[in-house]
């Protein structure tokens, strides 16, 4: 998790805020566009902001 936060801190503020907003949103409701199971152990969290697709993996 520390690696993910290190990555996020390097982004522009608006991009970072959008990703955090979507993480909070995914905690409340299941949305296949945001959080998708790739296989038994790996999940993918996605955010599209200003034409850039950000993907974080969750285990």
Protein backbone atom coordinates (compact mmCIF):
# COMPACT_ATOMS: atom_id res chain seq x y z
CA UNK A 1 0.00 0.00 0.00
CA UNK A 2 2.90 2.32 0.66
CA UNK A 3 3.99 2.02 -2.96
CA UNK A 4 0.55 3.12 -4.14
CA UNK A 5 0.61 6.22 -1.92
CA UNK A 6 4.14 7.07 -3.07
CA UNK A 7 2.90 6.88 -6.66
CA UNK A 8 -0.15 9.02 -5.90
CA UNK A 9 1.91 11.71 -4.18
CA UNK A 10 3.89 12.21 -7.41
CA UNK A 11 0.76 13.00 -9.44
CA UNK A 12 -0.75 16.41 -10.02
CA UNK A 13 -3.15 17.30 -7.21
CA UNK A 14 -6.36 17.09 -9.29
CA UNK A 15 -5.40 13.62 -10.58
CA UNK A 16 -4.59 12.43 -7.06
CA UNK A 17 -7.90 13.80 -5.75
CA UNK A 18 -9.89 12.09 -8.53
CA UNK A 19 -8.28 8.74 -7.76
CA UNK A 20 -9.00 9.10 -4.03
CA UNK A 21 -12.59 10.13 -4.80
CA UNK A 22 -13.05 6.98 -6.88
CA UNK A 23 -11.47 4.79 -4.20
CA UNK A 24 -13.98 6.14 -1.69
CA UNK A 25 -16.80 5.65 -4.18
CA UNK A 26 -15.73 2.03 -4.81
CA UNK A 27 -15.84 1.37 -1.05
CA UNK A 28 -19.52 2.30 -1.00
CA UNK A 29 -20.81 0.74 -4.22
CA UNK A 30 -19.53 -2.00 -6.51
CA UNK A 31 -18.81 -0.49 -9.90
CA UNK A 32 -17.19 -2.67 -12.59
CA UNK A 33 -15.83 0.48 -14.24
CA UNK A 34 -13.82 1.29 -11.11
CA UNK A 35 -12.97 -2.00 -9.43
CA UNK A 36 -12.74 -5.28 -11.31
CA UNK A 37 -11.57 -8.78 -10.36
CA UNK A 38 -8.86 -9.95 -12.76
CA UNK A 39 -8.34 -13.42 -11.26
CA UNK A 40 -8.63 -15.19 -7.89
CA UNK A 41 -6.06 -13.01 -6.16
CA UNK A 42 -5.76 -9.80 -8.18
CA UNK A 43 -8.15 -6.89 -8.47
CA UNK A 44 -7.72 -3.83 -10.67
CA UNK A 45 -8.79 -0.36 -9.62
CA UNK A 46 -9.17 2.07 -12.53
CA UNK A 47 -9.63 5.81 -12.85
CA UNK A 48 -9.84 7.78 -16.08
CA UNK A 49 -9.05 11.47 -15.68
CA UNK A 50 -8.30 13.99 -18.42
CA UNK A 51 -7.63 11.22 -20.92
CA UNK A 52 -5.18 9.35 -18.68
CA UNK A 53 -6.10 5.87 -17.47
CA UNK A 54 -4.68 5.13 -14.00
CA UNK A 55 -4.62 1.51 -12.86
CA UNK A 56 -3.75 0.25 -9.41
CA UNK A 57 -3.60 -3.43 -8.57
CA UNK A 58 -5.01 -4.82 -5.33
CA UNK A 59 -4.17 -8.18 -3.85
